Amino acid sequence: QALTKDTILVSVMMVNNETGAVMPIAQMAKLVHRVCPEAIFHTDAVQG
């Protein structure tokens, strides 16, 4: 719902460093590349 034609970067951490929540990074990255092909997807995987 947040993606727009002007989105250039999405940054979502892989594992939250306080709660241990694991984010669906592979699905998120594929979604971004499908909807916004030129946007860059970054993940902070330090805790993952």
ModelCIF file with pLDDT and N, C-alpha, C, O atoms, coordinates in Angstrom:
data_MODEL
#
_entry.id   MODEL 
#
_entity.id                         1 
_entity.type                       polymer 
_entity.pdbx_number_of_molecules   1 
#
_entity_poly.entity_id                      1 
_entity_poly.type                           'polypeptide(L)' 
_entity_poly.nstd_linkage                   no 
_entity_poly.nstd_monomer                   no 
_entity_poly.pdbx_seq_one_letter_code       QALTKDTILVSVMMVNNETGAVMPIAQMAKLVHRVCPEAIFHTDAVQG 
_entity_poly.pdbx_seq_one_letter_code_can   QALTKDTILVSVMMVNNETGAVMPIAQMAKLVHRVCPEAIFHTDAVQG 
_entity_poly.pdbx_strand_id                 A 
#
loop_
_entity_poly_seq.entity_id 
_entity_poly_seq.num 
_entity_poly_seq.mon_id 
_entity_poly_seq.hetero 
1 1  GLN n 
1 2  ALA n 
1 3  LEU n 
1 4  THR n 
1 5  LYS n 
1 6  ASP n 
1 7  THR n 
1 8  ILE n 
1 9  LEU n 
1 10 VAL n 
1 11 SER n 
1 12 VAL n 
1 13 MET n 
1 14 MET n 
1 15 VAL n 
1 16 ASN n 
1 17 ASN n 
1 18 GLU n 
1 19 THR n 
1 20 GLY n 
1 21 ALA n 
1 22 VAL n 
1 23 MET n 
1 24 PRO n 
1 25 ILE n 
1 26 ALA n 
1 27 GLN n 
1 28 MET n 
1 29 ALA n 
1 30 LYS n 
1 31 LEU n 
1 32 VAL n 
1 33 HIS n 
1 34 ARG n 
1 35 VAL n 
1 36 CYS n 
1 37 PRO n 
1 38 GLU n 
1 39 ALA n 
1 40 ILE n 
1 41 PHE n 
1 42 HIS n 
1 43 THR n 
1 44 ASP n 
1 45 ALA n 
1 46 VAL n 
1 47 GLN n 
1 48 GLY n 
#
_struct_asym.id          A 
_struct_asym.entity_id   1 
#
loop_
_ma_qa_metric.id 
_ma_qa_metric.mode 
_ma_qa_metric.name 
_ma_qa_metric.software_group_id 
_ma_qa_metric.type 
1 global pLDDT . pLDDT 
2 local  pLDDT . pLDDT 
#
_ma_qa_metric_global.metric_id      1 
_ma_qa_metric_global.metric_value   97.77 
_ma_qa_metric_global.model_id       1 
_ma_qa_metric_global.ordinal_id     1 
#
loop_
_ma_qa_metric_local.label_asym_id 
_ma_qa_metric_local.label_comp_id 
_ma_qa_metric_local.label_seq_id 
_ma_qa_metric_local.metric_id 
_ma_qa_metric_local.metric_value 
_ma_qa_metric_local.model_id 
_ma_qa_metric_local.ordinal_id 
A GLN 1  2 98.00 1 1  
A ALA 2  2 98.00 1 2  
A LEU 3  2 98.00 1 3  
A THR 4  2 97.00 1 4  
A LYS 5  2 96.00 1 5  
A ASP 6  2 97.00 1 6  
A THR 7  2 98.00 1 7  
A ILE 8  2 98.00 1 8  
A LEU 9  2 98.00 1 9  
A VAL 10 2 98.00 1 10 
A SER 11 2 98.00 1 11 
A VAL 12 2 98.00 1 12 
A MET 13 2 98.00 1 13 
A MET 14 2 98.00 1 14 
A VAL 15 2 98.00 1 15 
A ASN 16 2 98.00 1 16 
A ASN 17 2 97.00 1 17 
A GLU 18 2 97.00 1 18 
A THR 19 2 97.00 1 19 
A GLY 20 2 98.00 1 20 
A ALA 21 2 98.00 1 21 
A VAL 22 2 98.00 1 22 
A MET 23 2 98.00 1 23 
A PRO 24 2 98.00 1 24 
A ILE 25 2 98.00 1 25 
A ALA 26 2 98.00 1 26 
A GLN 27 2 98.00 1 27 
A MET 28 2 98.00 1 28 
A ALA 29 2 98.00 1 29 
A LYS 30 2 98.00 1 30 
A LEU 31 2 98.00 1 31 
A VAL 32 2 98.00 1 32 
A HIS 33 2 98.00 1 33 
A ARG 34 2 98.00 1 34 
A VAL 35 2 98.00 1 35 
A CYS 36 2 97.00 1 36 
A PRO 37 2 97.00 1 37 
A GLU 38 2 96.00 1 38 
A ALA 39 2 98.00 1 39 
A ILE 40 2 98.00 1 40 
A PHE 41 2 98.00 1 41 
A HIS 42 2 98.00 1 42 
A THR 43 2 98.00 1 43 
A ASP 44 2 98.00 1 44 
A ALA 45 2 98.00 1 45 
A VAL 46 2 98.00 1 46 
A GLN 47 2 98.00 1 47 
A GLY 48 2 98.00 1 48 
#
loop_
_atom_site.group_PDB 
_atom_site.id 
_atom_site.type_symbol 
_atom_site.label_atom_id 
_atom_site.label_alt_id 
_atom_site.label_comp_id 
_atom_site.label_asym_id 
_atom_site.label_entity_id 
_atom_site.label_seq_id 
_atom_site.pdbx_PDB_ins_code 
_atom_site.Cartn_x 
_atom_site.Cartn_y 
_atom_site.Cartn_z 
_atom_site.occupancy 
_atom_site.B_iso_or_equiv 
_atom_site.pdbx_formal_charge 
_atom_site.auth_seq_id 
_atom_site.auth_comp_id 
_atom_site.auth_asym_id 
_atom_site.auth_atom_id 
_atom_site.pdbx_PDB_model_num 
ATOM 1   N N  . GLN A 1 1  ? 0.815  -1.218  0.000   1.00 98.00 ? 1  GLN A N  1 
ATOM 2   C CA . GLN A 1 1  ? 0.000  0.000   0.000   1.00 98.00 ? 1  GLN A CA 1 
ATOM 3   C C  . GLN A 1 1  ? 0.853  1.276   0.000   1.00 98.00 ? 1  GLN A C  1 
ATOM 4   O O  . GLN A 1 1  ? 0.399  2.333   -0.436  1.00 98.00 ? 1  GLN A O  1 
ATOM 5   N N  . ALA A 1 2  ? 2.085  1.165   0.491   1.00 98.00 ? 2  ALA A N  1 
ATOM 6   C CA . ALA A 1 2  ? 2.939  2.352   0.610   1.00 98.00 ? 2  ALA A CA 1 
ATOM 7   C C  . ALA A 1 2  ? 3.709  2.663   -0.666  1.00 98.00 ? 2  ALA A C  1 
ATOM 8   O O  . ALA A 1 2  ? 4.165  3.794   -0.840  1.00 98.00 ? 2  ALA A O  1 
ATOM 9   N N  . LEU A 1 3  ? 3.868  1.697   -1.562  1.00 98.00 ? 3  LEU A N  1 
ATOM 10  C CA . LEU A 1 3  ? 4.659  1.904   -2.777  1.00 98.00 ? 3  LEU A CA 1 
ATOM 11  C C  . LEU A 1 3  ? 3.982  2.891   -3.710  1.00 98.00 ? 3  LEU A C  1 
ATOM 12  O O  . LEU A 1 3  ? 2.768  2.839   -3.908  1.00 98.00 ? 3  LEU A O  1 
ATOM 13  N N  . THR A 1 4  ? 4.771  3.791   -4.283  1.00 97.00 ? 4  THR A N  1 
ATOM 14  C CA . THR A 1 4  ? 4.277  4.757   -5.258  1.00 97.00 ? 4  THR A CA 1 
ATOM 15  C C  . THR A 1 4  ? 5.231  4.799   -6.446  1.00 97.00 ? 4  THR A C  1 
ATOM 16  O O  . THR A 1 4  ? 6.305  4.197   -6.419  1.00 97.00 ? 4  THR A O  1 
ATOM 17  N N  . LYS A 1 5  ? 4.830  5.506   -7.467  1.00 96.00 ? 5  LYS A N  1 
ATOM 18  C CA . LYS A 1 5  ? 5.688  5.626   -8.651  1.00 96.00 ? 5  LYS A CA 1 
ATOM 19  C C  . LYS A 1 5  ? 6.965  6.389   -8.344  1.00 96.00 ? 5  LYS A C  1 
ATOM 20  O O  . LYS A 1 5  ? 7.935  6.297   -9.097  1.00 96.00 ? 5  LYS A O  1 
ATOM 21  N N  . ASP A 1 6  ? 6.981  7.149   -7.238  1.00 97.00 ? 6  ASP A N  1 
ATOM 22  C CA . ASP A 1 6  ? 8.164  7.925   -6.871  1.00 97.00 ? 6  ASP A CA 1 
ATOM 23  C C  . ASP A 1 6  ? 9.069  7.199   -5.878  1.00 97.00 ? 6  ASP A C  1 
ATOM 24  O O  . ASP A 1 6  ? 10.092 7.748   -5.468  1.00 97.00 ? 6  ASP A O  1 
ATOM 25  N N  . THR A 1 7  ? 8.712  5.974   -5.484  1.00 98.00 ? 7  THR A N  1 
ATOM 26  C CA . THR A 1 7  ? 9.524  5.233   -4.516  1.00 98.00 ? 7  THR A CA 1 
ATOM 27  C C  . THR A 1 7  ? 10.849 4.827   -5.149  1.00 98.00 ? 7  THR A C  1 
ATOM 28  O O  . THR A 1 7  ? 10.882 4.189   -6.202  1.00 98.00 ? 7  THR A O  1 
ATOM 29  N N  . ILE A 1 8  ? 11.943 5.208   -4.487  1.00 98.00 ? 8  ILE A N  1 
ATOM 30  C CA . ILE A 1 8  ? 13.266 4.866   -5.028  1.00 98.00 ? 8  ILE A CA 1 
ATOM 31  C C  . ILE A 1 8  ? 14.026 3.897   -4.136  1.00 98.00 ? 8  ILE A C  1 
ATOM 32  O O  . ILE A 1 8  ? 14.961 3.243   -4.596  1.00 98.00 ? 8  ILE A O  1 
ATOM 33  N N  . LEU A 1 9  ? 13.639 3.793   -2.860  1.00 98.00 ? 9  LEU A N  1 
ATOM 34  C CA . LEU A 1 9  ? 14.358 2.938   -1.919  1.00 98.00 ? 9  LEU A CA 1 
ATOM 35  C C  . LEU A 1 9  ? 13.394 2.380   -0.891  1.00 98.00 ? 9  LEU A C  1 
ATOM 36  O O  . LEU A 1 9  ? 12.542 3.095   -0.364  1.00 98.00 ? 9  LEU A O  1 
ATOM 37  N N  . VAL A 1 10 ? 13.541 1.088   -0.612  1.00 98.00 ? 10 VAL A N  1 
ATOM 38  C CA . VAL A 1 10 ? 12.840 0.451   0.496   1.00 98.00 ? 10 VAL A CA 1 
ATOM 39  C C  . VAL A 1 10 ? 13.895 -0.222  1.360   1.00 98.00 ? 10 VAL A C  1 
ATOM 40  O O  . VAL A 1 10 ? 14.706 -1.000  0.859   1.00 98.00 ? 10 VAL A O  1 
ATOM 41  N N  . SER A 1 11 ? 13.887 0.076   2.662   1.00 98.00 ? 11 SER A N  1 
ATOM 42  C CA . SER A 1 11 ? 14.840 -0.521  3.591   1.00 98.00 ? 11 SER A CA 1 
ATOM 43  C C  . SER A 1 11 ? 14.081 -1.140  4.753   1.00 98.00 ? 11 SER A C  1 
ATOM 44  O O  . SER A 1 11 ? 13.447 -0.433  5.536   1.00 98.00 ? 11 SER A O  1 
ATOM 45  N N  . VAL A 1 12 ? 14.146 -2.469  4.863   1.00 98.00 ? 12 VAL A N  1 
ATOM 46  C CA . VAL A 1 12 ? 13.444 -3.204  5.914   1.00 98.00 ? 12 VAL A CA 1 
ATOM 47  C C  . VAL A 1 12 ? 14.424 -4.177  6.560   1.00 98.00 ? 12 VAL A C  1 
ATOM 48  O O  . VAL A 1 12 ? 15.071 -4.961  5.867   1.00 98.00 ? 12 VAL A O  1 
ATOM 49  N N  . MET A 1 13 ? 14.534 -4.128  7.887   1.00 98.00 ? 13 MET A N  1 
ATOM 50  C CA . MET A 1 13 ? 15.458 -5.014  8.582   1.00 98.00 ? 13 MET A CA 1 
ATOM 51  C C  . MET A 1 13 ? 14.977 -6.458  8.503   1.00 98.00 ? 13 MET A C  1 
ATOM 52  O O  . MET A 1 13 ? 13.775 -6.719  8.454   1.00 98.00 ? 13 MET A O  1 
ATOM 53  N N  . MET A 1 14 ? 15.914 -7.383  8.492   1.00 98.00 ? 14 MET A N  1 
ATOM 54  C CA . MET A 1 14 ? 15.575 -8.799  8.384   1.00 98.00 ? 14 MET A CA 1 
ATOM 55  C C  . MET A 1 14 ? 15.027 -9.346  9.692   1.00 98.00 ? 14 MET A C  1 
ATOM 56  O O  . MET A 1 14 ? 14.003 -10.030 9.704   1.00 98.00 ? 14 MET A O  1 
ATOM 57  N N  . VAL A 1 15 ? 15.706 -9.046  10.794  1.00 98.00 ? 15 VAL A N  1 
ATOM 58  C CA . VAL A 1 15 ? 15.299 -9.496  12.130  1.00 98.00 ? 15 VAL A CA 1 
ATOM 59  C C  . VAL A 1 15 ? 15.354 -8.295  13.057  1.00 98.00 ? 15 VAL A C  1 
ATOM 60  O O  . VAL A 1 15 ? 16.375 -7.611  13.142  1.00 98.00 ? 15 VAL A O  1 
ATOM 61  N N  . ASN A 1 16 ? 14.253 -8.041  13.753  1.00 98.00 ? 16 ASN A N  1 
ATOM 62  C CA . ASN A 1 16 ? 14.276 -6.914  14.681  1.00 98.00 ? 16 ASN A CA 1 
ATOM 63  C C  . ASN A 1 16 ? 15.171 -7.215  15.868  1.00 98.00 ? 16 ASN A C  1 
ATOM 64  O O  . ASN A 1 16 ? 15.096 -8.292  16.460  1.00 98.00 ? 16 ASN A O  1 
ATOM 65  N N  . ASN A 1 17 ? 16.012 -6.260  16.209  1.00 97.00 ? 17 ASN A N  1 
ATOM 66  C CA . ASN A 1 17 ? 17.015 -6.479  17.245  1.00 97.00 ? 17 ASN A CA 1 
ATOM 67  C C  . ASN A 1 17 ? 16.470 -6.448  18.663  1.00 97.00 ? 17 ASN A C  1 
ATOM 68  O O  . ASN A 1 17 ? 17.191 -6.777  19.605  1.00 97.00 ? 17 ASN A O  1 
ATOM 69  N N  . GLU A 1 18 ? 15.195 -6.055  18.838  1.00 97.00 ? 18 GLU A N  1 
ATOM 70  C CA . GLU A 1 18 ? 14.605 -6.048  20.177  1.00 97.00 ? 18 GLU A CA 1 
ATOM 71  C C  . GLU A 1 18 ? 13.603 -7.169  20.395  1.00 97.00 ? 18 GLU A C  1 
ATOM 72  O O  . GLU A 1 18 ? 13.578 -7.777  21.465  1.00 97.00 ? 18 GLU A O  1 
ATOM 73  N N  . THR A 1 19 ? 12.774 -7.451  19.390  1.00 97.00 ? 19 THR A N  1 
ATOM 74  C CA . THR A 1 19 ? 11.710 -8.441  19.572  1.00 97.00 ? 19 THR A CA 1 
ATOM 75  C C  . THR A 1 19 ? 11.983 -9.772  18.906  1.00 97.00 ? 19 THR A C  1 
ATOM 76  O O  . THR A 1 19 ? 11.321 -10.762 19.216  1.00 97.00 ? 19 THR A O  1 
ATOM 77  N N  . GLY A 1 20 ? 12.951 -9.819  17.989  1.00 98.00 ? 20 GLY A N  1 
ATOM 78  C CA . GLY A 1 20 ? 13.205 -11.047 17.255  1.00 98.00 ? 20 GLY A CA 1 
ATOM 79  C C  . GLY A 1 20 ? 12.218 -11.309 16.136  1.00 98.00 ? 20 GLY A C  1 
ATOM 80  O O  . GLY A 1 20 ? 12.218 -12.400 15.566  1.00 98.00 ? 20 GLY A O  1 
ATOM 81  N N  . ALA A 1 21 ? 11.369 -10.333 15.801  1.00 98.00 ? 21 ALA A N  1 
ATOM 82  C CA . ALA A 1 21 ? 10.440 -10.499 14.681  1.00 98.00 ? 21 ALA A CA 1 
ATOM 83  C C  . ALA A 1 21 ? 11.223 -10.660 13.384  1.00 98.00 ? 21 ALA A C  1 
ATOM 84  O O  . ALA A 1 21 ? 12.170 -9.917  13.127  1.00 98.00 ? 21 ALA A O  1 
ATOM 85  N N  . VAL A 1 22 ? 10.824 -11.633 12.570  1.00 98.00 ? 22 VAL A N  1 
ATOM 86  C CA . VAL A 1 22 ? 11.475 -11.898 11.286  1.00 98.00 ? 22 VAL A CA 1 
ATOM 87  C C  . VAL A 1 22 ? 10.586 -11.369 10.168  1.00 98.00 ? 22 VAL A C  1 
ATOM 88  O O  . VAL A 1 22 ? 9.421  -11.750 10.059  1.00 98.00 ? 22 VAL A O  1 
ATOM 89  N N  . MET A 1 23 ? 11.132 -10.504 9.353   1.00 98.00 ? 23 MET A N  1 
ATOM 90  C CA . MET A 1 23 ? 10.354 -9.877  8.287   1.00 98.00 ? 23 MET A CA 1 
ATOM 91  C C  . MET A 1 23 ? 10.431 -10.718 7.001   1.00 98.00 ? 23 MET A C  1 
ATOM 92  O O  . MET A 1 23 ? 11.444 -11.375 6.761   1.00 98.00 ? 23 MET A O  1 
ATOM 93  N N  . PRO A 1 24 ? 9.380  -10.705 6.175   1.00 98.00 ? 24 PRO A N  1 
ATOM 94  C CA . PRO A 1 24 ? 9.363  -11.494 4.931   1.00 98.00 ? 24 PRO A CA 1 
ATOM 95  C C  . PRO A 1 24 ? 10.172 -10.820 3.820   1.00 98.00 ? 24 PRO A C  1 
ATOM 96  O O  . PRO A 1 24 ? 9.614  -10.321 2.842   1.00 98.00 ? 24 PRO A O  1 
ATOM 97  N N  . ILE A 1 25 ? 11.475 -10.814 3.988   1.00 98.00 ? 25 ILE A N  1 
ATOM 98  C CA . ILE A 1 25 ? 12.348 -10.022 3.119   1.00 98.00 ? 25 ILE A CA 1 
ATOM 99  C C  . ILE A 1 25 ? 12.277 -10.464 1.661   1.00 98.00 ? 25 ILE A C  1 
ATOM 100 O O  . ILE A 1 25 ? 12.180 -9.618  0.772   1.00 98.00 ? 25 ILE A O  1 
ATOM 101 N N  . ALA A 1 26 ? 12.324 -11.768 1.394   1.00 98.00 ? 26 ALA A N  1 
ATOM 102 C CA . ALA A 1 26 ? 12.307 -12.226 0.001   1.00 98.00 ? 26 ALA A CA 1 
ATOM 103 C C  . ALA A 1 26 ? 11.038 -11.779 -0.713  1.00 98.00 ? 26 ALA A C  1 
ATOM 104 O O  . ALA A 1 26 ? 11.089 -11.303 -1.847  1.00 98.00 ? 26 ALA A O  1 
ATOM 105 N N  . GLN A 1 27 ? 9.896  -11.937 -0.038  1.00 98.00 ? 27 GLN A N  1 
ATOM 106 C CA . GLN A 1 27 ? 8.631  -11.525 -0.652  1.00 98.00 ? 27 GLN A CA 1 
ATOM 107 C C  . GLN A 1 27 ? 8.568  -10.014 -0.824  1.00 98.00 ? 27 GLN A C  1 
ATOM 108 O O  . GLN A 1 27 ? 8.065  -9.517  -1.831  1.00 98.00 ? 27 GLN A O  1 
ATOM 109 N N  . MET A 1 28 ? 9.080  -9.286  0.163   1.00 98.00 ? 28 MET A N  1 
ATOM 110 C CA . MET A 1 28 ? 9.081  -7.829  0.066   1.00 98.00 ? 28 MET A CA 1 
ATOM 111 C C  . MET A 1 28 ? 9.943  -7.342  -1.092  1.00 98.00 ? 28 MET A C  1 
ATOM 112 O O  . MET A 1 28 ? 9.541  -6.457  -1.847  1.00 98.00 ? 28 MET A O  1 
ATOM 113 N N  . ALA A 1 29 ? 11.133 -7.927  -1.227  1.00 98.00 ? 29 ALA A N  1 
ATOM 114 C CA . ALA A 1 29 ? 12.034 -7.511  -2.300  1.00 98.00 ? 29 ALA A CA 1 
ATOM 115 C C  . ALA A 1 29 ? 11.415 -7.793  -3.670  1.00 98.00 ? 29 ALA A C  1 
ATOM 116 O O  . ALA A 1 29 ? 11.494 -6.962  -4.574  1.00 98.00 ? 29 ALA A O  1 
ATOM 117 N N  . LYS A 1 30 ? 10.806 -8.955  -3.816  1.00 98.00 ? 30 LYS A N  1 
ATOM 118 C CA . LYS A 1 30 ? 10.174 -9.294  -5.095  1.00 98.00 ? 30 LYS A CA 1 
ATOM 119 C C  . LYS A 1 30 ? 9.003  -8.361  -5.401  1.00 98.00 ? 30 LYS A C  1 
ATOM 120 O O  . LYS A 1 30 ? 8.802  -7.962  -6.548  1.00 98.00 ? 30 LYS A O  1 
ATOM 121 N N  . LEU A 1 31 ? 8.234  -8.018  -4.366  1.00 98.00 ? 31 LEU A N  1 
ATOM 122 C CA . LEU A 1 31 ? 7.119  -7.085  -4.545  1.00 98.00 ? 31 LEU A CA 1 
ATOM 123 C C  . LEU A 1 31 ? 7.624  -5.734  -5.036  1.00 98.00 ? 31 LEU A C  1 
ATOM 124 O O  . LEU A 1 31 ? 7.087  -5.174  -5.991  1.00 98.00 ? 31 LEU A O  1 
ATOM 125 N N  . VAL A 1 32 ? 8.648  -5.217  -4.385  1.00 98.00 ? 32 VAL A N  1 
ATOM 126 C CA . VAL A 1 32 ? 9.198  -3.911  -4.761  1.00 98.00 ? 32 VAL A CA 1 
ATOM 127 C C  . VAL A 1 32 ? 9.700  -3.937  -6.200  1.00 98.00 ? 32 VAL A C  1 
ATOM 128 O O  . VAL A 1 32 ? 9.449  -3.003  -6.961  1.00 98.00 ? 32 VAL A O  1 
ATOM 129 N N  . HIS A 1 33 ? 10.401 -4.992  -6.574  1.00 98.00 ? 33 HIS A N  1 
ATOM 130 C CA . HIS A 1 33 ? 10.948 -5.058  -7.923  1.00 98.00 ? 33 HIS A CA 1 
ATOM 131 C C  . HIS A 1 33 ? 9.854  -5.211  -8.977  1.00 98.00 ? 33 HIS A C  1 
ATOM 132 O O  . HIS A 1 33 ? 10.027 -4.788  -10.120 1.00 98.00 ? 33 HIS A O  1 
ATOM 133 N N  . ARG A 1 34 ? 8.736  -5.812  -8.596  1.00 98.00 ? 34 ARG A N  1 
ATOM 134 C CA . ARG A 1 34 ? 7.635  -5.957  -9.548  1.00 98.00 ? 34 ARG A CA 1 
ATOM 135 C C  . ARG A 1 34 ? 6.869  -4.645  -9.721  1.00 98.00 ? 34 ARG A C  1 
ATOM 136 O O  . ARG A 1 34 ? 6.538  -4.258  -10.841 1.00 98.00 ? 34 ARG A O  1 
ATOM 137 N N  . VAL A 1 35 ? 6.589  -3.959  -8.599  1.00 98.00 ? 35 VAL A N  1 
ATOM 138 C CA . VAL A 1 35 ? 5.784  -2.739  -8.643  1.00 98.00 ? 35 VAL A CA 1 
ATOM 139 C C  . VAL A 1 35 ? 6.621  -1.517  -9.027  1.00 98.00 ? 35 VAL A C  1 
ATOM 140 O O  . VAL A 1 35 ? 6.162  -0.647  -9.766  1.00 98.00 ? 35 VAL A O  1 
ATOM 141 N N  . CYS A 1 36 ? 7.848  -1.463  -8.516  1.00 97.00 ? 36 CYS A N  1 
ATOM 142 C CA . CYS A 1 36 ? 8.742  -0.323  -8.775  1.00 97.00 ? 36 CYS A CA 1 
ATOM 143 C C  . CYS A 1 36 ? 10.071 -0.868  -9.292  1.00 97.00 ? 36 CYS A C  1 
ATOM 144 O O  . CYS A 1 36 ? 11.033 -0.947  -8.529  1.00 97.00 ? 36 CYS A O  1 
ATOM 145 N N  . PRO A 1 37 ? 10.149 -1.241  -10.551 1.00 97.00 ? 37 PRO A N  1 
ATOM 146 C CA . PRO A 1 37 ? 11.313 -1.952  -11.077 1.00 97.00 ? 37 PRO A CA 1 
ATOM 147 C C  . PRO A 1 37 ? 12.647 -1.239  -10.889 1.00 97.00 ? 37 PRO A C  1 
ATOM 148 O O  . PRO A 1 37 ? 13.689 -1.889  -10.798 1.00 97.00 ? 37 PRO A O  1 
ATOM 149 N N  . GLU A 1 38 ? 12.624 0.085   -10.831 1.00 96.00 ? 38 GLU A N  1 
ATOM 150 C CA . GLU A 1 38 ? 13.884 0.814   -10.711 1.00 96.00 ? 38 GLU A CA 1 
ATOM 151 C C  . GLU A 1 38 ? 14.276 1.072   -9.252  1.00 96.00 ? 38 GLU A C  1 
ATOM 152 O O  . GLU A 1 38 ? 15.392 1.517   -8.985  1.00 96.00 ? 38 GLU A O  1 
ATOM 153 N N  . ALA A 1 39 ? 13.375 0.800   -8.315  1.00 98.00 ? 39 ALA A N  1 
ATOM 154 C CA . ALA A 1 39 ? 13.668 1.056   -6.908  1.00 98.00 ? 39 ALA A CA 1 
ATOM 155 C C  . ALA A 1 39 ? 14.687 0.052   -6.374  1.00 98.00 ? 39 ALA A C  1 
ATOM 156 O O  . ALA A 1 39 ? 14.832 -1.055  -6.894  1.00 98.00 ? 39 ALA A O  1 
ATOM 157 N N  . ILE A 1 40 ? 15.383 0.469   -5.329  1.00 98.00 ? 40 ILE A N  1 
ATOM 158 C CA . ILE A 1 40 ? 16.392 -0.371  -4.674  1.00 98.00 ? 40 ILE A CA 1 
ATOM 159 C C  . ILE A 1 40 ? 15.804 -0.920  -3.378  1.00 98.00 ? 40 ILE A C  1 
ATOM 160 O O  . ILE A 1 40 ? 15.130 -0.207  -2.635  1.00 98.00 ? 40 ILE A O  1 
ATOM 161 N N  . PHE A 1 41 ? 16.070 -2.202  -3.120  1.00 98.00 ? 41 PHE A N  1 
ATOM 162 C CA . PHE A 1 41 ? 15.619 -2.826  -1.871  1.00 98.00 ? 41 PHE A CA 1 
ATOM 163 C C  . PHE A 1 41 ? 16.834 -3.176  -1.024  1.00 98.00 ? 41 PHE A C  1 
ATOM 164 O O  . PHE A 1 41 ? 17.727 -3.897  -1.469  1.00 98.00 ? 41 PHE A O  1 
ATOM 165 N N  . HIS A 1 42 ? 16.859 -2.657  0.203   1.00 98.00 ? 42 HIS A N  1 
ATOM 166 C CA . HIS A 1 42 ? 17.949 -2.916  1.154   1.00 98.00 ? 42 HIS A CA 1 
ATOM 167 C C  . HIS A 1 42 ? 17.406 -3.595  2.394   1.00 98.00 ? 42 HIS A C  1 
ATOM 168 O O  . HIS A 1 42 ? 16.310 -3.277  2.856   1.00 98.00 ? 42 HIS A O  1 
ATOM 169 N N  . THR A 1 43 ? 18.172 -4.532  2.932   1.00 98.00 ? 43 THR A N  1 
ATOM 170 C CA . THR A 1 43 ? 17.833 -5.093  4.231   1.00 98.00 ? 43 THR A CA 1 
ATOM 171 C C  . THR A 1 43 ? 19.038 -5.045  5.167   1.00 98.00 ? 43 THR A C  1 
ATOM 172 O O  . THR A 1 43 ? 20.151 -5.423  4.801   1.00 98.00 ? 43 THR A O  1 
ATOM 173 N N  . ASP A 1 44 ? 18.783 -4.574  6.375   1.00 98.00 ? 44 ASP A N  1 
ATOM 174 C CA . ASP A 1 44 ? 19.758 -4.630  7.455   1.00 98.00 ? 44 ASP A CA 1 
ATOM 175 C C  . ASP A 1 44 ? 19.651 -6.038  8.037   1.00 98.00 ? 44 ASP A C  1 
ATOM 176 O O  . ASP A 1 44 ? 18.722 -6.345  8.785   1.00 98.00 ? 44 ASP A O  1 
ATOM 177 N N  . ALA A 1 45 ? 20.613 -6.884  7.684   1.00 98.00 ? 45 ALA A N  1 
ATOM 178 C CA . ALA A 1 45 ? 20.590 -8.293  8.102   1.00 98.00 ? 45 ALA A CA 1 
ATOM 179 C C  . ALA A 1 45 ? 21.530 -8.560  9.262   1.00 98.00 ? 45 ALA A C  1 
ATOM 180 O O  . ALA A 1 45 ? 21.935 -9.701  9.484   1.00 98.00 ? 45 ALA A O  1 
ATOM 181 N N  . VAL A 1 46 ? 21.879 -7.523  10.001  1.00 98.00 ? 46 VAL A N  1 
ATOM 182 C CA . VAL A 1 46 ? 22.847 -7.671  11.089  1.00 98.00 ? 46 VAL A CA 1 
ATOM 183 C C  . VAL A 1 46 ? 22.407 -8.725  12.100  1.00 98.00 ? 46 VAL A C  1 
ATOM 184 O O  . VAL A 1 46 ? 23.224 -9.529  12.549  1.00 98.00 ? 46 VAL A O  1 
ATOM 185 N N  . GLN A 1 47 ? 21.114 -8.730  12.465  1.00 98.00 ? 47 GLN A N  1 
ATOM 186 C CA . GLN A 1 47 ? 20.628 -9.718  13.433  1.00 98.00 ? 47 GLN A CA 1 
ATOM 187 C C  . GLN A 1 47 ? 20.154 -11.007 12.758  1.00 98.00 ? 47 GLN A C  1 
ATOM 188 O O  . GLN A 1 47 ? 19.808 -11.967 13.447  1.00 98.00 ? 47 GLN A O  1 
ATOM 189 N N  . GLY A 1 48 ? 20.135 -11.045 11.442  1.00 98.00 ? 48 GLY A N  1 
ATOM 190 C CA . GLY A 1 48 ? 19.706 -12.251 10.742  1.00 98.00 ? 48 GLY A CA 1 
ATOM 191 C C  . GLY A 1 48 ? 20.851 -13.101 10.235  1.00 98.00 ? 48 GLY A C  1 
ATOM 192 O O  . GLY A 1 48 ? 20.622 -14.146 9.627   1.00 98.00 ? 48 GLY A O  1 
#
